[in-house]
Amino acid sequence: MKTLKFKKIDAFTTGASSGNPAGYILLENEDILTENQMLQIAGQLSGFVNEVGFVKQTGDEFNLKFYSSECEVAFCGHATIAIMYDLLASRKELFNKSEIFINVAAGKLSVFNHIQKDDAVYIMAPEPEFLQCPVNISHVSDALGIRSSEIDDSFPLNLINAGLQTLIVGIRSLDQCLKISPDQEKLKRFCLNNKIDIILVSTKQTHTAHSRYRNRVFAPKYGYLEDPATGSGNAAFANYLCSLNLWQGDFVVEQGPDRANPNFIKLKKHIKNNKERILFGGTATIRVDGNFFLQN
């Protein structure tokens, strides 16, 4: 039996926000897990956390892999927030570093330490890829179980990869956004058939005055219907706004189906190597700190 260091950490916890739970397994030098073992662990933790991040340090950098109960996840933003917040907050050698680097499937990314400044870490999203949108409003409304008239056509449908292939869908009102309740299996087939990882629906109407948009993210491909707080999806959304010349400075998104108690994701622009890049940020809270016992 292999004993692995395990934590359950909720990301994007602000005020009364419950955040988004992530599993986190720190791999020591002697810990070697196969892809099947990582998938097995994520499957055993399904229902407790949606994704599990596996972290191994190499020199001054950290290598991260992510799994849901269904498959490997190319990039999991909330798990990255949870893991890097914990590492930066708990390790003396990292606590005063302003920037460290992580390696994910999309390449090397910067992590910015704002814990002492505003109790947050910021993750640089992978460089965006703007893809040809394979669906139209009729297809999307049918998959989501809503009327075509509820889709805000002033927000064109767009497919953007900023870690995950994210379909952006505008919704006319907060009430319409909150009532969306798609059939999970039908939406999963829609996503798989169109090479979509997640669907982000967004409305300009918000519940809280300090938020600029209310977003919801559906992720049936990964074995669950809705993600309560999303890094990669909101990074895609931020790049989407930039592409439409709708960026109006750094802002906060509220996310989730609960009108009065959303989660909050901070979005910023950053210049790296003379390129504008999107950062998503937030805080995190440890809920469980212990061991995971893997049967050999």
Protein backbone atom coordinates (compact mmCIF):
# COMPACT_ATOMS: atom_id res chain seq x y z
CA MET A 1 0.00 0.00 0.00
CA LYS A 2 1.30 3.47 -0.92
CA THR A 3 0.69 6.41 1.43
CA LEU A 4 0.30 9.76 -0.35
CA LYS A 5 0.00 13.24 1.14
CA PHE A 6 -3.52 14.50 0.41
CA LYS A 7 -5.43 17.74 0.93
CA LYS A 8 -8.92 18.87 0.01
CA ILE A 9 -8.79 22.60 -0.66
CA ASP A 10 -11.63 24.87 -1.74
CA ALA A 11 -10.56 27.50 -4.29
CA PHE A 12 -12.11 30.94 -4.80
CA THR A 13 -13.37 31.18 -1.22
CA THR A 14 -14.22 34.81 -0.52
CA GLY A 15 -16.47 35.90 2.36
CA ALA A 16 -19.44 33.55 2.44
CA SER A 17 -18.47 31.87 -0.85
CA SER A 18 -18.11 28.10 -0.56
CA GLY A 19 -15.68 27.97 -3.49
CA ASN A 20 -14.83 24.94 -5.61
CA PRO A 21 -13.24 21.86 -3.99
CA ALA A 22 -10.10 20.31 -5.41
CA GLY A 23 -8.12 17.28 -4.37
CA TYR A 24 -4.38 17.79 -4.10
CA ILE A 25 -1.76 15.05 -3.89
CA LEU A 26 1.85 16.07 -3.36
CA LEU A 27 4.24 13.56 -4.89
CA GLU A 28 7.53 13.10 -3.11
CA ASN A 29 10.66 11.99 -4.98
CA GLU A 30 9.91 8.33 -4.37
CA ASP A 31 6.27 8.60 -5.40
CA ILE A 32 5.67 7.50 -8.97
CA LEU A 33 2.08 7.13 -10.15
CA THR A 34 0.92 5.85 -13.52
CA GLU A 35 -1.80 7.61 -15.47
CA ASN A 36 -4.15 4.75 -14.61
CA GLN A 37 -3.40 5.20 -10.89
CA MET A 38 -4.10 8.94 -11.09
CA LEU A 39 -7.40 8.23 -12.86
CA GLN A 40 -8.19 5.57 -10.24
CA ILE A 41 -7.60 8.04 -7.40
CA ALA A 42 -9.76 10.69 -9.07
CA GLY A 43 -12.50 8.11 -9.54
CA GLN A 44 -12.40 7.09 -5.89
CA LEU A 45 -12.68 10.74 -4.86
CA SER A 46 -15.56 11.48 -7.25
CA GLY A 47 -18.39 13.22 -5.40
CA PHE A 48 -15.91 14.53 -2.83
CA VAL A 49 -13.98 16.65 -5.34
CA ASN A 50 -14.49 17.12 -9.08
CA GLU A 51 -10.79 17.07 -9.99
CA VAL A 52 -7.56 15.98 -8.36
CA GLY A 53 -4.25 17.74 -8.97
CA PHE A 54 -0.98 15.81 -8.75
CA VAL A 55 2.07 17.94 -8.00
CA LYS A 56 5.76 17.15 -8.21
CA GLN A 57 8.57 19.65 -7.63
CA THR A 58 11.49 19.77 -10.05
CA GLY A 59 14.11 22.27 -8.93
CA ASP A 60 12.40 25.64 -8.49
CA GLU A 61 9.38 24.67 -10.59
CA PHE A 62 6.29 22.54 -10.05
CA ASN A 63 4.79 20.05 -12.48
CA LEU A 64 0.99 19.69 -12.31
CA LYS A 65 -1.33 17.08 -13.80
CA PHE A 66 -5.11 16.99 -13.34
CA TYR A 67 -7.67 14.21 -13.46
CA SER A 68 -11.43 13.95 -13.14
CA SER A 69 -13.25 10.66 -12.63
CA GLU A 70 -13.61 10.42 -16.44
CA CYS A 71 -10.24 11.42 -17.89
CA GLU A 72 -7.17 13.61 -17.67
CA VAL A 73 -8.01 17.33 -17.66
CA ALA A 74 -5.63 19.43 -19.74
CA PHE A 75 -5.78 22.37 -17.32
CA CYS A 76 -7.79 22.84 -14.15
CA GLY A 77 -7.78 26.45 -12.98
CA HIS A 78 -9.44 26.07 -9.59
CA ALA A 79 -7.16 23.16 -8.63
CA THR A 80 -4.16 25.29 -9.65
CA ILE A 81 -5.38 28.13 -7.41
CA ALA A 82 -5.88 25.71 -4.51
CA ILE A 83 -2.48 24.03 -4.88
CA MET A 84 -0.39 27.13 -5.46
CA TYR A 85 -2.09 29.11 -2.70
CA ASP A 86 -1.26 26.29 -0.28
CA LEU A 87 2.35 25.97 -1.43
CA LEU A 88 3.02 29.71 -1.34
CA ALA A 89 1.31 30.21 2.01
CA SER A 90 2.85 27.21 3.78
CA ARG A 91 6.45 27.08 2.57
CA LYS A 92 8.88 29.57 4.05
CA GLU A 93 11.13 29.45 1.01
CA LEU A 94 8.21 30.44 -1.24
CA PHE A 95 6.22 32.84 0.93
CA ASN A 96 8.15 35.97 -0.12
CA LYS A 97 8.60 35.01 -3.77
CA SER A 98 6.59 37.26 -6.07
CA GLU A 99 6.57 34.82 -9.02
CA ILE A 100 7.14 31.11 -9.43
CA PHE A 101 6.62 28.79 -12.39
CA ILE A 102 4.50 25.75 -13.04
CA ASN A 103 4.48 23.27 -15.90
CA VAL A 104 1.13 21.99 -17.19
CA ALA A 105 0.06 20.31 -20.43
CA ALA A 106 -0.16 23.73 -22.12
CA GLY A 107 3.41 24.65 -21.15
CA LYS A 108 5.13 26.81 -18.54
CA LEU A 109 2.94 29.34 -16.70
CA SER A 110 3.65 32.07 -14.15
CA VAL A 111 2.07 32.13 -10.71
CA PHE A 112 2.01 35.51 -8.95
CA ASN A 113 1.99 35.69 -5.17
CA HIS A 114 -0.42 38.35 -3.84
CA ILE A 115 -1.11 36.61 -0.54
CA GLN A 116 0.32 39.38 1.62
CA LYS A 117 -1.23 42.11 -0.57
CA ASP A 118 -4.80 40.88 -1.07
CA ASP A 119 -4.88 37.24 0.13
CA ALA A 120 -4.84 35.82 -3.39
CA VAL A 121 -2.69 34.06 -5.93
CA TYR A 122 -2.96 34.79 -9.65
CA ILE A 123 -2.36 32.19 -12.34
CA MET A 124 -1.37 33.11 -15.87
CA ALA A 125 -3.77 31.35 -18.22
CA PRO A 126 -2.34 29.51 -21.23
CA GLU A 127 -2.07 31.61 -24.35
CA PRO A 128 -5.52 31.65 -25.96
CA GLU A 129 -6.43 29.87 -29.17
CA PHE A 130 -9.49 31.17 -31.01
CA LEU A 131 -11.19 28.26 -32.76
CA GLN A 132 -13.87 27.94 -35.38
CA CYS A 133 -17.21 27.60 -33.61
CA PRO A 134 -18.82 24.32 -34.73
CA VAL A 135 -22.39 25.11 -33.56
CA ASN A 136 -25.13 27.73 -33.99
CA ILE A 137 -27.68 29.26 -31.63
CA SER A 138 -30.28 26.60 -32.41
CA HIS A 139 -27.85 23.78 -31.57
CA VAL A 140 -26.78 25.46 -28.32
CA SER A 141 -30.27 26.31 -27.10
CA ASP A 142 -31.39 22.73 -27.72
CA ALA A 143 -28.40 21.31 -25.83
CA LEU A 144 -28.94 23.67 -22.88
CA GLY A 145 -32.72 23.15 -22.84
CA ILE A 146 -33.56 26.83 -23.32
CA ARG A 147 -35.29 28.94 -25.97
CA SER A 148 -33.16 30.45 -28.74
CA SER A 149 -34.58 33.86 -27.80
CA GLU A 150 -32.86 33.62 -24.39
CA ILE A 151 -29.43 33.67 -26.02
CA ASP A 152 -27.98 37.18 -26.26
CA ASP A 153 -26.94 37.52 -29.89
CA SER A 154 -24.99 40.70 -29.08
CA PHE A 155 -22.48 38.21 -27.61
CA PRO A 156 -21.49 36.04 -30.61
CA LEU A 157 -20.96 32.35 -29.95
CA ASN A 158 -17.25 31.63 -29.72
CA LEU A 159 -14.99 28.68 -28.99
CA ILE A 160 -11.78 29.62 -27.19
CA ASN A 161 -9.08 27.47 -25.66
CA ALA A 162 -7.32 29.09 -22.69
CA GLY A 163 -6.51 25.74 -21.10
CA LEU A 164 -9.80 24.06 -22.01
CA GLN A 165 -11.91 24.37 -25.16
CA THR A 166 -14.61 26.70 -23.90
CA LEU A 167 -17.82 27.57 -25.71
CA ILE A 168 -18.95 31.10 -24.74
CA VAL A 169 -22.71 31.70 -24.78
CA GLY A 170 -24.36 35.03 -23.89
CA ILE A 171 -27.67 34.97 -21.98
CA ARG A 172 -30.04 37.94 -21.94
CA SER A 173 -30.90 38.13 -18.22
CA LEU A 174 -29.82 36.95 -14.80
CA ASP A 175 -33.14 35.16 -14.26
CA GLN A 176 -32.72 33.25 -17.51
CA CYS A 177 -29.11 32.41 -16.69
CA LEU A 178 -29.98 31.06 -13.24
CA LYS A 179 -32.83 28.87 -14.42
CA ILE A 180 -30.75 26.90 -16.96
CA SER A 181 -30.90 23.22 -16.00
CA PRO A 182 -29.71 21.03 -18.86
CA ASP A 183 -29.88 17.27 -19.09
CA GLN A 184 -26.37 16.08 -18.20
CA GLU A 185 -26.13 13.15 -20.63
CA LYS A 186 -27.58 15.14 -23.54
CA LEU A 187 -25.18 18.01 -22.89
CA LYS A 188 -22.26 15.59 -22.58
CA ARG A 189 -23.04 14.10 -26.01
CA PHE A 190 -23.27 17.63 -27.44
CA CYS A 191 -19.86 18.53 -26.01
CA LEU A 192 -18.15 15.32 -27.12
CA ASN A 193 -19.63 15.50 -30.63
CA ASN A 194 -18.39 19.09 -31.07
CA LYS A 195 -15.00 18.81 -29.30
CA ILE A 196 -16.10 21.19 -26.53
CA ASP A 197 -14.60 20.77 -23.05
CA ILE A 198 -16.82 23.19 -21.13
CA ILE A 199 -19.68 25.62 -21.82
CA LEU A 200 -19.64 29.04 -20.15
CA VAL A 201 -22.92 30.98 -20.14
CA SER A 202 -22.74 34.64 -19.22
CA THR A 203 -25.06 37.55 -18.56
CA LYS A 204 -24.31 41.22 -17.98
CA GLN A 205 -26.85 41.31 -15.15
CA THR A 206 -25.35 40.52 -11.74
CA HIS A 207 -26.52 40.12 -8.16
CA THR A 208 -23.57 41.90 -6.54
CA ALA A 209 -22.66 45.47 -7.42
CA HIS A 210 -18.90 44.80 -7.54
CA SER A 211 -19.23 42.04 -10.17
CA ARG A 212 -19.32 42.80 -13.88
CA TYR A 213 -20.81 39.51 -15.15
CA ARG A 214 -22.62 36.44 -13.80
CA ASN A 215 -21.22 33.27 -15.34
CA ARG A 216 -22.06 29.60 -15.06
CA VAL A 217 -19.90 26.76 -16.38
CA PHE A 218 -21.13 23.32 -17.45
CA ALA A 219 -18.63 20.46 -17.67
CA PRO A 220 -20.47 17.15 -18.27
CA LYS A 221 -17.51 15.76 -20.24
CA TYR A 222 -15.67 15.42 -16.93
CA GLY A 223 -18.37 13.50 -15.09
CA TYR A 224 -20.37 16.28 -13.44
CA LEU A 225 -22.84 18.86 -14.68
CA GLU A 226 -21.66 22.21 -13.29
CA ASP A 227 -18.43 23.71 -12.05
CA PRO A 228 -19.07 26.23 -9.25
CA ALA A 229 -15.92 28.36 -9.79
CA THR A 230 -13.69 28.11 -12.83
CA GLY A 231 -10.25 29.46 -13.69
CA SER A 232 -9.73 28.26 -17.26
CA GLY A 233 -13.29 29.02 -18.38
CA ASN A 234 -13.21 32.55 -17.04
CA ALA A 235 -9.78 33.07 -18.59
CA ALA A 236 -11.31 32.11 -21.94
CA PHE A 237 -14.14 34.53 -21.23
CA ALA A 238 -11.68 37.35 -20.47
CA ASN A 239 -9.84 36.69 -23.73
CA TYR A 240 -13.21 36.67 -25.48
CA LEU A 241 -13.99 40.15 -24.12
CA CYS A 242 -10.57 41.39 -25.24
CA SER A 243 -11.17 40.06 -28.77
CA LEU A 244 -14.43 42.04 -28.94
CA ASN A 245 -12.83 45.21 -27.50
CA LEU A 246 -15.07 44.88 -24.42
CA TRP A 247 -12.30 44.82 -21.81
CA GLN A 248 -12.85 47.71 -19.39
CA GLY A 249 -10.08 47.10 -16.87
CA ASP A 250 -9.54 44.42 -14.24
CA PHE A 251 -12.78 43.03 -12.88
CA VAL A 252 -14.56 40.36 -10.85
CA VAL A 253 -16.92 37.68 -12.18
CA GLU A 254 -19.58 36.10 -9.98
CA GLN A 255 -20.22 32.46 -10.78
CA GLY A 256 -22.72 29.76 -9.96
CA PRO A 257 -26.45 28.97 -9.86
CA ASP A 258 -27.12 30.46 -6.41
CA ARG A 259 -28.40 34.00 -6.90
CA ALA A 260 -27.39 35.40 -3.50
CA ASN A 261 -24.25 33.34 -2.80
CA PRO A 262 -22.05 33.17 -5.90
CA ASN A 263 -18.33 32.47 -6.01
CA PHE A 264 -15.97 35.22 -7.16
CA ILE A 265 -13.11 35.05 -9.66
CA LYS A 266 -10.71 37.96 -10.15
CA LEU A 267 -9.48 38.68 -13.69
CA LYS A 268 -6.51 40.84 -14.62
CA LYS A 269 -4.34 41.67 -17.61
CA HIS A 270 -0.58 41.22 -17.43
CA ILE A 271 2.19 42.02 -19.91
CA LYS A 272 4.59 39.09 -20.41
CA ASN A 273 7.28 39.17 -23.13
CA ASN A 274 5.49 42.13 -24.75
CA LYS A 275 2.24 40.15 -24.93
CA GLU A 276 -0.95 40.75 -23.02
CA ARG A 277 -1.91 37.70 -20.96
CA ILE A 278 -4.90 37.02 -18.73
CA LEU A 279 -4.50 36.22 -15.04
CA PHE A 280 -7.23 34.67 -12.90
CA GLY A 281 -6.99 34.85 -9.15
CA GLY A 282 -8.47 34.06 -5.79
CA THR A 283 -7.89 32.68 -2.35
CA ALA A 284 -8.25 29.13 -1.03
CA THR A 285 -9.18 27.33 2.18
CA ILE A 286 -7.91 23.94 3.38
CA ARG A 287 -10.77 21.64 4.43
CA VAL A 288 -8.94 18.30 4.82
CA ASP A 289 -5.25 17.62 5.47
CA GLY A 290 -4.23 13.98 5.69
CA ASN A 291 -3.21 10.91 3.70
CA PHE A 292 -4.57 8.92 0.80
CA PHE A 293 -3.90 5.20 0.88
CA LEU A 294 -3.46 3.67 -2.57
CA GLN A 295 -3.64 -0.10 -2.88
CA ASN A 296 -0.66 -1.36 -4.87
